Amino acid sequence: MRIKFWGVRGSIPCPGQDTVRYGGNTACIELRFPDSGRVIIIDAGSGLRELGNFMMAHDLPKGPIRTEIYLSHTHWDHIMGFPFFTPVFVPGTWLRVFGPVTYEEDSLDKIVGGQLTYRYFPVRQVELAAAITYHHLKEGRFDLGDGITLVTKYLNHPILCLGYRFEWQGRVFCTAF
């Protein structure tokens, strides 16, 4: 399992000289599983734009992009990068988005895709070329295939939030926002 942090900030992106060491993008973590070629993304903060550009340059030449995004929660700083994730504009891209059921009873489709309306963005979600599906998660243990296990737990946060524990070949990576 290879891990790269594309965004580590909270609330608002803050690029500049003061953030060069750790970066100025909001939450976005990439997990790569070399045996299967699988890519799992945790959160869709502003770091997702740079990850998308990387995937376009390095993954797309090998074939259509197939990936998953696991949202810890739907606060703005964890979803703001979604409209700028270049692979969603490419035919053949396959994307599954997972996240907790919110207290507001809104679907992930409505929350994440709601950024893609003419009121906020020049492209509507229905105009994206990618095949995107949304899936609600609750606490539990899930076999993701390819030897990957996901354990989810609710966290103490102002909005419903999931912590993620990914297990693969004796290795573990956890997030808790």
N, C-alpha and C. Protein backbone atom coordinates (compact mmCIF):
# COMPACT_ATOMS: atom_id res chain seq x y z
N MET A 1 0.87 -1.17 0.00
CA MET A 1 0.00 0.00 0.00
C MET A 1 0.91 1.23 0.00
N ARG A 2 0.69 2.10 -0.98
CA ARG A 2 1.42 3.37 -1.02
C ARG A 2 0.45 4.48 -0.70
N ILE A 3 0.89 5.42 0.11
CA ILE A 3 0.03 6.50 0.60
C ILE A 3 0.64 7.84 0.22
N LYS A 4 -0.18 8.74 -0.31
CA LYS A 4 0.28 10.10 -0.60
C LYS A 4 -0.78 11.07 -0.12
N PHE A 5 -0.33 12.09 0.58
CA PHE A 5 -1.20 13.15 1.07
C PHE A 5 -1.19 14.29 0.06
N TRP A 6 -2.32 14.52 -0.60
CA TRP A 6 -2.46 15.60 -1.57
C TRP A 6 -3.04 16.86 -0.92
N GLY A 7 -3.62 16.71 0.24
CA GLY A 7 -4.16 17.84 0.99
C GLY A 7 -4.27 17.48 2.45
N VAL A 8 -3.84 18.39 3.31
CA VAL A 8 -3.82 18.11 4.74
C VAL A 8 -4.46 19.22 5.58
N ARG A 9 -4.88 20.27 4.94
CA ARG A 9 -5.42 21.43 5.67
C ARG A 9 -6.90 21.24 5.94
N GLY A 10 -7.40 22.03 6.87
CA GLY A 10 -8.82 22.06 7.17
C GLY A 10 -9.40 23.43 6.87
N SER A 11 -10.68 23.47 6.68
CA SER A 11 -11.48 24.68 6.49
C SER A 11 -11.29 25.37 5.15
N ILE A 12 -10.08 25.82 4.83
CA ILE A 12 -9.90 26.59 3.59
C ILE A 12 -8.50 26.33 3.04
N PRO A 13 -8.37 26.22 1.70
CA PRO A 13 -7.03 26.08 1.14
C PRO A 13 -6.22 27.33 1.46
N CYS A 14 -4.95 27.14 1.74
CA CYS A 14 -4.12 28.30 2.07
C CYS A 14 -2.73 28.14 1.45
N PRO A 15 -2.64 28.26 0.12
CA PRO A 15 -1.34 28.16 -0.53
C PRO A 15 -0.48 29.38 -0.21
N GLY A 16 0.81 29.19 -0.24
CA GLY A 16 1.72 30.30 0.01
C GLY A 16 3.01 29.83 0.65
N GLN A 17 3.90 30.78 0.89
CA GLN A 17 5.22 30.45 1.45
C GLN A 17 5.12 29.77 2.81
N ASP A 18 4.13 30.13 3.59
CA ASP A 18 3.99 29.56 4.94
C ASP A 18 3.52 28.11 4.93
N THR A 19 3.00 27.63 3.81
CA THR A 19 2.47 26.27 3.77
C THR A 19 3.22 25.35 2.81
N VAL A 20 4.37 25.80 2.32
CA VAL A 20 5.11 25.02 1.33
C VAL A 20 5.52 23.65 1.89
N ARG A 21 5.94 23.59 3.13
CA ARG A 21 6.45 22.33 3.68
C ARG A 21 5.39 21.23 3.68
N TYR A 22 4.19 21.52 4.16
CA TYR A 22 3.14 20.50 4.27
C TYR A 22 2.03 20.67 3.25
N GLY A 23 2.03 21.75 2.53
CA GLY A 23 1.02 21.97 1.50
C GLY A 23 -0.14 22.81 2.00
N GLY A 24 -0.84 23.42 1.06
CA GLY A 24 -1.94 24.31 1.39
C GLY A 24 -3.31 23.80 1.00
N ASN A 25 -3.39 22.59 0.45
CA ASN A 25 -4.68 22.04 0.03
C ASN A 25 -5.43 21.40 1.18
N THR A 26 -6.77 21.35 1.03
CA THR A 26 -7.59 20.67 2.03
C THR A 26 -7.63 19.17 1.75
N ALA A 27 -8.19 18.43 2.68
CA ALA A 27 -8.09 16.97 2.80
C ALA A 27 -8.26 16.18 1.51
N CYS A 28 -7.23 15.40 1.20
CA CYS A 28 -7.27 14.45 0.09
C CYS A 28 -6.08 13.50 0.25
N ILE A 29 -6.37 12.22 0.40
CA ILE A 29 -5.34 11.20 0.60
C ILE A 29 -5.53 10.11 -0.45
N GLU A 30 -4.42 9.70 -1.06
CA GLU A 30 -4.44 8.65 -2.08
C GLU A 30 -3.82 7.37 -1.52
N LEU A 31 -4.53 6.26 -1.67
CA LEU A 31 -4.00 4.94 -1.34
C LEU A 31 -3.88 4.16 -2.65
N ARG A 32 -2.69 3.64 -2.93
CA ARG A 32 -2.48 2.81 -4.12
C ARG A 32 -2.09 1.41 -3.67
N PHE A 33 -2.70 0.45 -4.32
CA PHE A 33 -2.45 -0.95 -4.02
C PHE A 33 -1.77 -1.57 -5.23
N PRO A 34 -0.44 -1.71 -5.19
CA PRO A 34 0.32 -2.08 -6.38
C PRO A 34 -0.05 -3.42 -7.00
N ASP A 35 -0.44 -4.39 -6.21
CA ASP A 35 -0.76 -5.71 -6.77
C ASP A 35 -1.95 -5.66 -7.72
N SER A 36 -2.94 -4.85 -7.39
CA SER A 36 -4.17 -4.79 -8.19
C SER A 36 -4.25 -3.53 -9.05
N GLY A 37 -3.41 -2.55 -8.78
CA GLY A 37 -3.50 -1.28 -9.49
C GLY A 37 -4.63 -0.40 -8.99
N ARG A 38 -5.23 -0.82 -7.92
CA ARG A 38 -6.39 -0.11 -7.38
C ARG A 38 -5.97 1.19 -6.69
N VAL A 39 -6.80 2.23 -6.89
CA VAL A 39 -6.57 3.54 -6.26
C VAL A 39 -7.81 3.89 -5.46
N ILE A 40 -7.60 4.18 -4.17
CA ILE A 40 -8.68 4.62 -3.29
C ILE A 40 -8.33 6.02 -2.81
N ILE A 41 -9.29 6.91 -2.86
CA ILE A 41 -9.09 8.30 -2.45
C ILE A 41 -9.93 8.54 -1.20
N ILE A 42 -9.31 9.17 -0.22
CA ILE A 42 -10.03 9.54 1.00
C ILE A 42 -10.21 11.05 0.99
N ASP A 43 -11.41 11.49 0.92
CA ASP A 43 -11.85 12.89 0.91
C ASP A 43 -11.51 13.61 -0.39
N ALA A 44 -12.36 14.57 -0.72
CA ALA A 44 -12.30 15.28 -1.99
C ALA A 44 -12.08 16.77 -1.79
N GLY A 45 -11.16 17.10 -0.88
CA GLY A 45 -10.81 18.51 -0.66
C GLY A 45 -10.07 19.06 -1.87
N SER A 46 -9.53 20.26 -1.73
CA SER A 46 -8.88 20.93 -2.87
C SER A 46 -7.68 20.16 -3.40
N GLY A 47 -7.09 19.27 -2.61
CA GLY A 47 -5.99 18.43 -3.10
C GLY A 47 -6.41 17.47 -4.19
N LEU A 48 -7.71 17.23 -4.33
CA LEU A 48 -8.21 16.31 -5.36
C LEU A 48 -7.90 16.82 -6.77
N ARG A 49 -7.82 18.13 -6.94
CA ARG A 49 -7.50 18.68 -8.26
C ARG A 49 -6.11 18.22 -8.71
N GLU A 50 -5.13 18.35 -7.83
CA GLU A 50 -3.77 17.93 -8.19
C GLU A 50 -3.68 16.42 -8.38
N LEU A 51 -4.37 15.66 -7.54
CA LEU A 51 -4.39 14.21 -7.71
C LEU A 51 -5.00 13.85 -9.06
N GLY A 52 -6.08 14.51 -9.42
CA GLY A 52 -6.71 14.26 -10.72
C GLY A 52 -5.76 14.53 -11.88
N ASN A 53 -5.01 15.62 -11.79
CA ASN A 53 -4.04 15.93 -12.84
C ASN A 53 -2.96 14.86 -12.91
N PHE A 54 -2.52 14.37 -11.76
CA PHE A 54 -1.53 13.29 -11.72
C PHE A 54 -2.10 12.03 -12.38
N MET A 55 -3.34 11.70 -12.06
CA MET A 55 -3.96 10.50 -12.63
C MET A 55 -4.11 10.63 -14.15
N MET A 56 -4.42 11.83 -14.62
CA MET A 56 -4.54 12.04 -16.06
C MET A 56 -3.21 11.78 -16.76
N ALA A 57 -2.11 12.22 -16.14
CA ALA A 57 -0.79 12.06 -16.75
C ALA A 57 -0.23 10.64 -16.60
N HIS A 58 -0.52 9.97 -15.48
CA HIS A 58 0.12 8.69 -15.20
C HIS A 58 -0.79 7.46 -15.31
N ASP A 59 -2.07 7.62 -15.05
CA ASP A 59 -2.99 6.47 -15.07
C ASP A 59 -3.77 6.35 -16.38
N LEU A 60 -4.24 7.47 -16.90
CA LEU A 60 -5.07 7.44 -18.11
C LEU A 60 -4.34 6.80 -19.30
N PRO A 61 -3.04 7.05 -19.51
CA PRO A 61 -2.37 6.38 -20.63
C PRO A 61 -2.41 4.85 -20.56
N LYS A 62 -2.65 4.29 -19.37
CA LYS A 62 -2.71 2.84 -19.19
C LYS A 62 -4.12 2.29 -19.41
N GLY A 63 -5.11 3.19 -19.54
CA GLY A 63 -6.49 2.77 -19.73
C GLY A 63 -7.43 3.65 -18.93
N PRO A 64 -8.73 3.41 -19.04
CA PRO A 64 -9.71 4.24 -18.33
C PRO A 64 -9.44 4.26 -16.82
N ILE A 65 -9.70 5.40 -16.22
CA ILE A 65 -9.50 5.56 -14.78
C ILE A 65 -10.69 4.96 -14.04
N ARG A 66 -10.38 4.09 -13.08
CA ARG A 66 -11.39 3.47 -12.21
C ARG A 66 -10.93 3.74 -10.79
N THR A 67 -11.73 4.46 -10.03
CA THR A 67 -11.32 4.80 -8.67
C THR A 67 -12.53 4.96 -7.76
N GLU A 68 -12.24 5.10 -6.48
CA GLU A 68 -13.27 5.26 -5.46
C GLU A 68 -12.87 6.42 -4.56
N ILE A 69 -13.85 7.20 -4.12
CA ILE A 69 -13.62 8.25 -3.13
C ILE A 69 -14.43 7.91 -1.90
N TYR A 70 -13.77 7.88 -0.75
CA TYR A 70 -14.43 7.66 0.53
C TYR A 70 -14.42 8.99 1.28
N LEU A 71 -15.59 9.59 1.43
CA LEU A 71 -15.72 10.86 2.14
C LEU A 71 -15.88 10.60 3.63
N SER A 72 -15.09 11.27 4.43
CA SER A 72 -15.25 11.14 5.88
C SER A 72 -16.53 11.84 6.32
N HIS A 73 -16.77 12.99 5.72
CA HIS A 73 -17.99 13.75 5.97
C HIS A 73 -18.13 14.78 4.84
N THR A 74 -19.21 15.51 4.85
CA THR A 74 -19.50 16.37 3.69
C THR A 74 -19.33 17.86 3.97
N HIS A 75 -18.51 18.21 4.96
CA HIS A 75 -18.19 19.63 5.10
C HIS A 75 -17.45 20.10 3.85
N TRP A 76 -17.60 21.39 3.57
CA TRP A 76 -17.09 21.99 2.34
C TRP A 76 -15.63 21.65 2.07
N ASP A 77 -14.77 21.72 3.10
CA ASP A 77 -13.34 21.49 2.88
C ASP A 77 -13.02 20.04 2.51
N HIS A 78 -13.98 19.14 2.64
CA HIS A 78 -13.77 17.73 2.28
C HIS A 78 -14.42 17.35 0.95
N ILE A 79 -15.13 18.29 0.32
CA ILE A 79 -15.77 18.00 -0.98
C ILE A 79 -15.47 19.05 -2.04
N MET A 80 -14.84 20.17 -1.68
CA MET A 80 -14.67 21.29 -2.60
C MET A 80 -13.84 20.99 -3.85
N GLY A 81 -13.04 19.95 -3.82
CA GLY A 81 -12.22 19.63 -4.98
C GLY A 81 -12.93 18.83 -6.05
N PHE A 82 -14.10 18.29 -5.73
CA PHE A 82 -14.79 17.40 -6.67
C PHE A 82 -15.04 18.03 -8.05
N PRO A 83 -15.53 19.26 -8.15
CA PRO A 83 -15.77 19.82 -9.49
C PRO A 83 -14.50 19.99 -10.32
N PHE A 84 -13.34 19.96 -9.69
CA PHE A 84 -12.07 20.19 -10.37
C PHE A 84 -11.26 18.91 -10.57
N PHE A 85 -11.90 17.75 -10.32
CA PHE A 85 -11.26 16.45 -10.50
C PHE A 85 -11.36 16.08 -11.97
N THR A 86 -10.33 16.35 -12.73
CA THR A 86 -10.34 16.23 -14.19
C THR A 86 -10.84 14.89 -14.72
N PRO A 87 -10.53 13.76 -14.09
CA PRO A 87 -11.02 12.49 -14.64
C PRO A 87 -12.54 12.40 -14.82
N VAL A 88 -13.34 13.17 -14.08
CA VAL A 88 -14.80 13.08 -14.25
C VAL A 88 -15.26 13.66 -15.58
N PHE A 89 -14.38 14.37 -16.28
CA PHE A 89 -14.72 14.95 -17.57
C PHE A 89 -14.31 14.04 -18.74
N VAL A 90 -13.72 12.88 -18.41
CA VAL A 90 -13.18 11.98 -19.43
C VAL A 90 -14.09 10.77 -19.61
N PRO A 91 -14.56 10.52 -20.84
CA PRO A 91 -15.37 9.32 -21.09
C PRO A 91 -14.59 8.06 -20.70
N GLY A 92 -15.28 7.12 -20.12
CA GLY A 92 -14.65 5.87 -19.70
C GLY A 92 -14.24 5.86 -18.24
N THR A 93 -14.18 7.03 -17.61
CA THR A 93 -13.85 7.08 -16.19
C THR A 93 -15.00 6.47 -15.39
N TRP A 94 -14.63 5.68 -14.41
CA TRP A 94 -15.59 4.99 -13.54
C TRP A 94 -15.27 5.41 -12.12
N LEU A 95 -16.23 6.03 -11.44
CA LEU A 95 -16.00 6.56 -10.10
C LEU A 95 -17.13 6.16 -9.17
N ARG A 96 -16.76 5.61 -8.01
CA ARG A 96 -17.74 5.33 -6.96
C ARG A 96 -17.41 6.24 -5.79
N VAL A 97 -18.43 6.92 -5.26
CA VAL A 97 -18.26 7.83 -4.13
C VAL A 97 -19.01 7.25 -2.94
N PHE A 98 -18.31 7.10 -1.83
CA PHE A 98 -18.88 6.55 -0.60
C PHE A 98 -18.82 7.60 0.50
N GLY A 99 -19.79 7.57 1.39
CA GLY A 99 -19.75 8.48 2.53
C GLY A 99 -20.89 8.21 3.49
N PRO A 100 -20.85 8.87 4.65
CA PRO A 100 -21.89 8.66 5.66
C PRO A 100 -23.21 9.29 5.26
N VAL A 101 -24.28 8.72 5.75
CA VAL A 101 -25.61 9.31 5.59
C VAL A 101 -25.64 10.52 6.50
N THR A 102 -26.01 11.67 5.97
CA THR A 102 -25.96 12.89 6.77
C THR A 102 -27.20 13.05 7.64
N TYR A 103 -27.07 13.86 8.65
CA TYR A 103 -28.19 14.13 9.54
C TYR A 103 -29.30 14.89 8.83
N GLU A 104 -28.96 15.53 7.72
CA GLU A 104 -29.95 16.31 6.99
C GLU A 104 -30.79 15.45 6.04
N GLU A 105 -30.46 14.17 5.97
CA GLU A 105 -31.17 13.23 5.10
C GLU A 105 -30.94 13.48 3.62
N ASP A 106 -30.00 14.35 3.27
CA ASP A 106 -29.67 14.56 1.87
C ASP A 106 -28.80 13.41 1.38
N SER A 107 -28.94 13.07 0.13
CA SER A 107 -28.11 12.01 -0.44
C SER A 107 -26.73 12.56 -0.78
N LEU A 108 -25.75 11.68 -0.89
CA LEU A 108 -24.42 12.10 -1.32
C LEU A 108 -24.47 12.71 -2.71
N ASP A 109 -25.29 12.13 -3.56
CA ASP A 109 -25.47 12.65 -4.91
C ASP A 109 -25.89 14.12 -4.86
N LYS A 110 -26.84 14.42 -4.01
CA LYS A 110 -27.34 15.80 -3.90
C LYS A 110 -26.29 16.73 -3.29
N ILE A 111 -25.55 16.26 -2.29
CA ILE A 111 -24.57 17.10 -1.62
C ILE A 111 -23.34 17.34 -2.50
N VAL A 112 -22.72 16.27 -2.97
CA VAL A 112 -21.51 16.40 -3.79
C VAL A 112 -21.86 16.95 -5.16
N GLY A 113 -22.86 16.36 -5.79
CA GLY A 113 -23.26 16.81 -7.12
C GLY A 113 -23.90 18.18 -7.11
N GLY A 114 -24.41 18.60 -5.96
CA GLY A 114 -25.02 19.92 -5.85
C GLY A 114 -24.06 21.06 -6.12
N GLN A 115 -22.76 20.79 -6.03
CA GLN A 115 -21.77 21.80 -6.38
C GLN A 115 -21.75 22.05 -7.88
N LEU A 116 -22.22 21.05 -8.61
CA LEU A 116 -22.18 21.11 -10.07
C LEU A 116 -23.55 21.52 -10.60
N THR A 117 -23.91 22.75 -10.31
CA THR A 117 -25.10 23.37 -10.87
C THR A 117 -24.67 24.72 -11.41
N TYR A 118 -25.40 25.23 -12.37
CA TYR A 118 -25.01 26.51 -12.98
C TYR A 118 -24.92 27.64 -11.96
N ARG A 119 -25.61 27.51 -10.86
CA ARG A 119 -25.53 28.54 -9.82
C ARG A 119 -24.11 28.67 -9.28
N TYR A 120 -23.36 27.53 -9.22
CA TYR A 120 -22.04 27.53 -8.62
C TYR A 120 -20.90 27.19 -9.57
N PHE A 121 -21.22 26.54 -10.69
CA PHE A 121 -20.17 25.99 -11.55
C PHE A 121 -20.69 25.93 -12.99
N PRO A 122 -19.82 26.10 -13.99
CA PRO A 122 -20.31 26.14 -15.38
C PRO A 122 -20.68 24.79 -15.99
N VAL A 123 -20.52 23.71 -15.25
CA VAL A 123 -20.86 22.38 -15.75
C VAL A 123 -21.79 21.71 -14.73
N ARG A 124 -22.88 21.12 -15.23
CA ARG A 124 -23.79 20.39 -14.34
C ARG A 124 -23.33 18.94 -14.22
N GLN A 125 -23.70 18.31 -13.10
CA GLN A 125 -23.29 16.93 -12.87
C GLN A 125 -23.75 16.00 -14.01
N VAL A 126 -24.93 16.22 -14.55
CA VAL A 126 -25.42 15.35 -15.63
C VAL A 126 -24.60 15.49 -16.91
N GLU A 127 -23.79 16.52 -17.00
CA GLU A 127 -22.96 16.73 -18.19
C GLU A 127 -21.58 16.08 -18.08
N LEU A 128 -21.26 15.53 -16.92
CA LEU A 128 -19.96 14.88 -16.75
C LEU A 128 -19.90 13.61 -17.58
N ALA A 129 -18.71 13.31 -18.08
CA ALA A 129 -18.53 12.13 -18.94
C ALA A 129 -18.36 10.84 -18.14
N ALA A 130 -17.93 10.95 -16.91
CA ALA A 130 -17.66 9.76 -16.08
C ALA A 130 -18.94 9.07 -15.65
N ALA A 131 -18.82 7.77 -15.41
CA ALA A 131 -19.91 7.00 -14.80
C ALA A 131 -19.69 7.09 -13.29
N ILE A 132 -20.58 7.82 -12.60
CA ILE A 132 -20.42 8.07 -11.17
C ILE A 132 -21.59 7.47 -10.42
N THR A 133 -21.29 6.73 -9.37
CA THR A 133 -22.34 6.20 -8.49
C THR A 133 -22.01 6.62 -7.06
N TYR A 134 -23.07 6.77 -6.26
CA TYR A 134 -22.94 7.21 -4.87
C TYR A 134 -23.47 6.12 -3.95
N HIS A 135 -22.78 5.91 -2.83
CA HIS A 135 -23.14 4.84 -1.91
C HIS A 135 -23.00 5.33 -0.47
N HIS A 136 -24.06 5.16 0.31
CA HIS A 136 -24.02 5.53 1.73
C HIS A 136 -23.35 4.43 2.54
N LEU A 137 -22.54 4.84 3.50
CA LEU A 137 -21.87 3.90 4.40
C LEU A 137 -22.32 4.14 5.83
N LYS A 138 -22.32 3.08 6.59
CA LYS A 138 -22.55 3.14 8.03
C LYS A 138 -21.38 2.45 8.71
N GLU A 139 -21.44 2.35 10.03
CA GLU A 139 -20.39 1.62 10.74
C GLU A 139 -20.40 0.16 10.32
N GLY A 140 -19.23 -0.40 10.20
CA GLY A 140 -19.17 -1.81 9.87
C GLY A 140 -17.81 -2.25 9.36
N ARG A 141 -17.77 -3.47 8.89
CA ARG A 141 -16.56 -4.07 8.32
C ARG A 141 -16.94 -4.54 6.92
N PHE A 142 -16.13 -4.16 5.92
CA PHE A 142 -16.48 -4.41 4.54
C PHE A 142 -15.30 -5.02 3.79
N ASP A 143 -15.58 -6.05 3.01
CA ASP A 143 -14.58 -6.64 2.13
C ASP A 143 -14.66 -5.88 0.81
N LEU A 144 -13.60 -5.13 0.48
CA LEU A 144 -13.61 -4.33 -0.74
C LEU A 144 -13.06 -5.09 -1.94
N GLY A 145 -12.65 -6.33 -1.74
CA GLY A 145 -12.04 -7.08 -2.82
C GLY A 145 -10.55 -6.78 -2.89
N ASP A 146 -9.83 -7.54 -3.69
CA ASP A 146 -8.38 -7.37 -3.86
C ASP A 146 -7.63 -7.46 -2.54
N GLY A 147 -8.19 -8.17 -1.56
CA GLY A 147 -7.54 -8.33 -0.27
C GLY A 147 -7.64 -7.13 0.65
N ILE A 148 -8.47 -6.16 0.30
CA ILE A 148 -8.61 -4.93 1.08
C ILE A 148 -9.85 -5.03 1.96
N THR A 149 -9.68 -4.74 3.24
CA THR A 149 -10.79 -4.69 4.19
C THR A 149 -10.93 -3.26 4.69
N LEU A 150 -12.16 -2.80 4.80
CA LEU A 150 -12.45 -1.47 5.34
C LEU A 150 -13.28 -1.62 6.60
N VAL A 151 -12.83 -0.96 7.66
CA VAL A 151 -13.60 -0.88 8.90
C VAL A 151 -13.97 0.58 9.09
N THR A 152 -15.26 0.86 9.33
CA THR A 152 -15.71 2.24 9.53
C THR A 152 -16.25 2.41 10.94
N LYS A 153 -16.03 3.59 11.49
CA LYS A 153 -16.55 3.93 12.82
C LYS A 153 -17.03 5.38 12.79
N TYR A 154 -18.15 5.64 13.47
CA TYR A 154 -18.62 7.01 13.61
C TYR A 154 -17.68 7.77 14.53
N LEU A 155 -17.44 9.03 14.20
CA LEU A 155 -16.56 9.89 14.98
C LEU A 155 -17.33 11.05 15.58
N ASN A 156 -16.76 11.68 16.58
CA ASN A 156 -17.35 12.86 17.19
C ASN A 156 -16.99 14.07 16.33
N HIS A 157 -17.97 14.62 15.65
CA HIS A 157 -17.77 15.75 14.75
C HIS A 157 -19.10 16.49 14.67
N PRO A 158 -19.10 17.78 14.31
CA PRO A 158 -20.37 18.51 14.25
C PRO A 158 -21.39 17.93 13.25
N ILE A 159 -20.91 17.19 12.26
CA ILE A 159 -21.78 16.53 11.29
C ILE A 159 -21.40 15.05 11.30
N LEU A 160 -22.30 14.19 10.86
CA LEU A 160 -22.00 12.76 10.84
C LEU A 160 -20.69 12.51 10.08
N CYS A 161 -19.80 11.79 10.70
CA CYS A 161 -18.44 11.62 10.17
C CYS A 161 -17.99 10.18 10.41
N LEU A 162 -17.31 9.61 9.42
CA LEU A 162 -16.78 8.26 9.55
C LEU A 162 -15.26 8.29 9.59
N GLY A 163 -14.70 7.50 10.49
CA GLY A 163 -13.28 7.21 10.46
C GLY A 163 -13.10 5.94 9.64
N TYR A 164 -11.99 5.87 8.90
CA TYR A 164 -11.75 4.73 8.04
C TYR A 164 -10.47 4.01 8.45
N ARG A 165 -10.54 2.69 8.42
CA ARG A 165 -9.37 1.84 8.66
C ARG A 165 -9.28 0.88 7.47
N PHE A 166 -8.26 1.05 6.66
CA PHE A 166 -8.03 0.18 5.52
C PHE A 166 -6.96 -0.83 5.90
N GLU A 167 -7.25 -2.11 5.67
CA GLU A 167 -6.32 -3.20 5.99
C GLU A 167 -5.97 -3.93 4.70
N TRP A 168 -4.68 -4.20 4.50
CA TRP A 168 -4.24 -4.89 3.29
C TRP A 168 -2.89 -5.54 3.55
N GLN A 169 -2.79 -6.82 3.35
CA GLN A 169 -1.55 -7.59 3.47
C GLN A 169 -0.80 -7.27 4.77
N GLY A 170 -1.52 -7.23 5.88
CA GLY A 170 -0.89 -6.99 7.17
C GLY A 170 -0.57 -5.53 7.46
N ARG A 171 -0.94 -4.65 6.54
CA ARG A 171 -0.71 -3.22 6.73
C ARG A 171 -2.03 -2.54 7.04
N VAL A 172 -1.95 -1.44 7.78
CA VAL A 172 -3.16 -0.71 8.17
C VAL A 172 -2.94 0.78 7.97
N PHE A 173 -3.96 1.45 7.43
CA PHE A 173 -3.96 2.92 7.35
C PHE A 173 -5.30 3.41 7.87
N CYS A 174 -5.26 4.36 8.80
CA CYS A 174 -6.48 4.89 9.43
C CYS A 174 -6.59 6.39 9.22
N THR A 175 -7.83 6.86 9.13
CA THR A 175 -8.09 8.30 9.14
C THR A 175 -9.15 8.58 10.19
N ALA A 176 -9.03 9.73 10.83
CA ALA A 176 -10.02 10.18 11.81
C ALA A 176 -10.00 11.70 11.81
N PHE A 177 -11.03 12.30 11.21
CA PHE A 177 -11.09 13.77 11.13
C PHE A 177 -11.98 14.33 12.21
